[in-house]
N, C-alpha and C. Protein backbone atom coordinates (compact mmCIF):
# COMPACT_ATOMS: atom_id res chain seq x y z
N UNK A 1 87.96 99.33 91.03
CA UNK A 1 88.55 100.02 90.32
C UNK A 1 88.52 100.01 88.84
N UNK A 2 88.51 101.77 88.46
CA UNK A 2 87.72 101.61 86.98
C UNK A 2 89.00 102.01 86.22
N UNK A 3 89.03 100.86 84.78
CA UNK A 3 89.82 100.73 84.10
C UNK A 3 89.78 101.13 82.78
N UNK A 4 90.73 102.18 82.65
CA UNK A 4 90.50 103.29 81.28
C UNK A 4 91.37 102.63 80.21
N UNK A 5 90.61 102.81 79.18
CA UNK A 5 91.88 101.97 78.05
C UNK A 5 92.63 103.52 77.47
N UNK A 6 92.07 104.71 77.88
CA UNK A 6 93.32 105.67 77.55
C UNK A 6 94.12 105.74 79.03
N UNK A 7 95.71 105.52 79.20
CA UNK A 7 96.44 105.67 80.09
C UNK A 7 97.31 107.16 80.31
N UNK A 8 97.96 106.93 81.02
CA UNK A 8 98.70 108.32 81.48
C UNK A 8 99.54 108.30 80.26
N UNK A 9 99.87 107.42 79.35
CA UNK A 9 101.09 107.57 78.48
C UNK A 9 100.12 108.51 77.01
N UNK A 10 98.91 108.68 77.12
CA UNK A 10 97.94 109.44 76.17
C UNK A 10 97.78 108.03 75.03
N UNK A 11 98.32 106.79 74.97
CA UNK A 11 97.67 105.77 73.97
C UNK A 11 96.94 104.95 74.87
N UNK A 12 96.88 103.78 73.65
CA UNK A 12 95.65 102.48 74.29
C UNK A 12 97.05 101.59 74.89
N UNK A 13 97.34 101.29 76.02
CA UNK A 13 98.14 100.88 76.19
C UNK A 13 97.55 99.39 76.53
N UNK A 14 98.18 97.96 76.60
CA UNK A 14 97.26 96.96 77.50
C UNK A 14 97.40 97.43 79.29
N UNK A 15 96.34 96.92 79.69
CA UNK A 15 96.27 97.02 81.26
C UNK A 15 97.39 96.29 81.81
N UNK A 16 97.93 95.04 80.90
CA UNK A 16 99.11 94.09 82.13
C UNK A 16 100.65 95.19 81.70
N UNK A 17 100.59 95.74 80.70
CA UNK A 17 101.81 96.60 80.63
C UNK A 17 101.56 97.91 81.73
N UNK A 18 100.67 98.43 81.86
CA UNK A 18 100.40 99.47 82.73
C UNK A 18 100.34 98.95 84.46
N UNK A 19 100.12 97.38 84.53
CA UNK A 19 100.37 96.96 85.67
C UNK A 19 101.92 96.60 86.04
N UNK A 20 102.70 96.14 84.94
CA UNK A 20 104.01 96.06 84.69
C UNK A 20 104.62 97.51 85.11
N UNK A 21 104.69 98.82 84.58
CA UNK A 21 105.13 99.45 85.12
C UNK A 21 104.60 100.19 86.29
N UNK A 22 103.31 99.94 87.22
CA UNK A 22 103.59 100.35 88.63
C UNK A 22 104.17 99.03 89.64
N UNK A 23 104.66 98.11 88.96
CA UNK A 23 105.41 96.85 89.53
C UNK A 23 106.80 97.32 89.13
N UNK A 24 107.39 98.13 88.49
CA UNK A 24 108.75 98.10 88.47
C UNK A 24 108.99 99.47 89.39
N UNK A 25 107.84 100.64 89.39
CA UNK A 25 107.87 101.69 90.02
C UNK A 25 107.76 101.53 91.32
N UNK A 26 107.15 99.92 92.23
CA UNK A 26 107.34 99.81 93.35
C UNK A 26 108.17 99.23 93.59
N UNK A 27 109.24 98.30 92.54
CA UNK A 27 110.49 98.19 92.64
C UNK A 27 111.85 99.06 92.88
N UNK A 28 111.05 100.00 92.47
CA UNK A 28 112.41 101.10 92.48
C UNK A 28 111.87 101.93 93.77
N UNK A 29 110.83 101.77 94.51
CA UNK A 29 110.48 103.09 95.50
C UNK A 29 111.35 101.58 96.87
N UNK A 30 111.13 100.46 96.71
CA UNK A 30 111.96 99.87 97.68
C UNK A 30 113.52 99.92 97.60
N UNK A 31 114.17 99.83 96.43
CA UNK A 31 115.54 99.89 96.10
C UNK A 31 116.00 101.71 96.80
N UNK A 32 115.16 101.91 96.16
CA UNK A 32 115.04 103.41 97.19
C UNK A 32 114.95 103.65 98.75
N UNK A 33 114.34 102.87 99.36
CA UNK A 33 114.39 103.13 100.88
C UNK A 33 114.95 102.07 101.01
N UNK A 34 115.94 100.82 100.44
CA UNK A 34 116.89 100.42 100.92
C UNK A 34 118.37 101.24 101.28
N UNK A 35 118.38 101.76 100.24
CA UNK A 35 119.48 102.91 99.72
C UNK A 35 119.61 103.66 101.14
N UNK A 36 118.30 104.53 100.86
CA UNK A 36 118.65 105.30 102.48
C UNK A 36 118.56 104.54 103.60
N UNK A 37 117.71 103.72 103.64
CA UNK A 37 118.69 102.73 105.03
C UNK A 37 120.25 102.41 105.01
N UNK A 38 120.82 101.86 104.14
CA UNK A 38 121.99 102.15 104.32
C UNK A 38 123.01 103.19 104.79
N UNK A 39 122.35 104.28 103.79
CA UNK A 39 123.13 105.42 103.72
C UNK A 39 122.92 105.91 105.28
N UNK A 40 122.04 106.14 105.96
CA UNK A 40 121.40 106.62 107.29
C UNK A 40 121.59 105.80 108.10
N UNK A 41 121.74 104.72 108.28
CA UNK A 41 122.08 103.72 109.12
C UNK A 41 122.75 102.54 109.05
N UNK A 42 123.89 102.98 108.33
CA UNK A 42 124.84 101.84 107.58
C UNK A 42 125.46 100.85 108.91
N UNK A 43 125.83 101.54 109.74
CA UNK A 43 125.81 100.57 111.24
C UNK A 43 125.29 99.72 112.03
N UNK A 44 123.73 99.73 111.45
CA UNK A 44 122.72 99.00 111.84
C UNK A 44 122.11 97.37 111.29
N UNK A 45 123.37 97.61 110.30
CA UNK A 45 122.83 96.40 109.45
C UNK A 45 124.19 95.51 109.38
N UNK A 46 124.07 94.17 110.34
CA UNK A 46 125.04 93.75 110.45
C UNK A 46 125.87 92.60 109.32
N UNK A 47 124.29 92.02 108.96
CA UNK A 47 124.42 91.20 107.68
C UNK A 47 125.35 91.63 106.54
N UNK A 48 125.55 92.58 106.61
CA UNK A 48 126.40 93.52 104.99
C UNK A 48 127.34 94.07 105.30
N UNK A 49 128.60 93.32 105.22
CA UNK A 49 129.75 93.74 105.76
C UNK A 49 130.45 94.85 104.19
N UNK A 50 130.07 94.63 103.38
CA UNK A 50 130.19 95.83 102.40
C UNK A 50 129.23 96.35 102.05
N UNK A 51 128.91 97.69 102.55
CA UNK A 51 127.70 98.40 102.74
C UNK A 51 128.06 99.11 100.99
N UNK A 52 129.00 99.28 100.74
CA UNK A 52 128.87 99.85 99.23
C UNK A 52 128.39 98.74 98.46
N UNK A 53 129.06 98.02 98.28
CA UNK A 53 128.37 96.70 97.41
C UNK A 53 127.10 96.37 97.70
N UNK A 54 126.43 96.69 98.90
CA UNK A 54 124.94 96.53 98.96
C UNK A 54 124.33 97.44 98.28
N UNK A 55 124.97 98.81 98.38
CA UNK A 55 124.23 99.59 97.63
C UNK A 55 124.44 99.57 96.09
N UNK A 56 125.38 99.35 95.99
CA UNK A 56 125.48 99.51 94.57
C UNK A 56 124.48 98.39 93.75
N UNK A 57 123.90 97.31 94.50
CA UNK A 57 123.12 96.31 94.17
C UNK A 57 121.74 96.92 94.09
N UNK A 58 121.41 97.76 95.10
CA UNK A 58 120.33 98.63 95.00
C UNK A 58 120.20 99.84 93.88
N UNK A 59 121.45 100.34 93.65
CA UNK A 59 121.41 100.97 92.90
C UNK A 59 121.10 100.61 91.12
N UNK A 60 121.77 98.80 91.43
CA UNK A 60 121.61 97.93 89.59
C UNK A 60 119.86 97.76 89.99
N UNK A 61 119.57 97.30 90.86
CA UNK A 61 118.06 97.56 90.63
C UNK A 61 117.25 98.55 90.58
N UNK A 62 117.52 99.82 91.20
CA UNK A 62 116.64 101.02 90.27
C UNK A 62 116.92 101.21 89.17
N UNK A 63 118.53 101.21 88.80
CA UNK A 63 118.47 101.61 87.38
C UNK A 63 118.06 100.46 86.34
N UNK A 64 117.69 99.37 86.65
CA UNK A 64 117.07 98.05 86.06
C UNK A 64 115.73 98.39 85.75
N UNK A 65 114.87 98.55 86.75
CA UNK A 65 113.69 98.96 86.85
C UNK A 65 113.48 100.30 85.73
N UNK A 66 114.26 101.36 86.29
CA UNK A 66 113.96 102.51 85.20
C UNK A 66 114.17 102.04 83.83
N UNK A 67 115.19 101.68 83.30
CA UNK A 67 115.33 100.91 82.11
C UNK A 67 114.28 100.23 81.27
N UNK A 68 113.88 99.48 82.06
CA UNK A 68 112.45 98.91 81.66
C UNK A 68 111.32 99.69 81.87
N UNK A 69 111.06 100.30 82.27
CA UNK A 69 109.93 101.12 82.10
C UNK A 69 109.95 102.59 81.12
N UNK A 70 111.31 103.00 80.71
CA UNK A 70 111.73 103.29 79.65
C UNK A 70 111.39 102.82 78.41
N UNK A 71 111.73 101.49 78.20
CA UNK A 71 111.54 100.34 77.20
C UNK A 71 110.22 100.25 76.88
N UNK A 72 109.39 100.05 77.86
CA UNK A 72 107.77 99.26 77.70
C UNK A 72 107.39 101.09 77.33
N UNK A 73 107.53 102.42 77.59
CA UNK A 73 106.82 103.56 76.85
C UNK A 73 107.33 103.92 75.93
N UNK A 74 108.72 103.65 75.32
CA UNK A 74 109.26 103.95 73.93
C UNK A 74 108.83 102.79 73.40
N UNK A 75 108.90 101.58 73.46
CA UNK A 75 108.51 100.26 72.49
C UNK A 75 107.42 99.57 72.13
N UNK A 76 106.66 99.71 73.52
CA UNK A 76 105.07 99.21 73.68
C UNK A 76 103.87 99.99 73.64
N UNK A 77 103.84 101.29 72.85
CA UNK A 77 102.94 101.92 72.96
C UNK A 77 101.94 101.29 72.14
């Protein structure tokens, strides 16, 4: 892998912060996938008796990751 000092934000960002952003983006994709499963196949999920509450938890994970990414881009340039 070629590690460049310049990243997609246009500034010199620590490789660790870039890795954290990628991890958080992955967390967002997982939450989105879980939401899709709940919405499209709610009857097939036996261990979740309250589907709306489960979706809300996934939305919270999605929002949390998005907020963290925004904070990194805003305050850690």
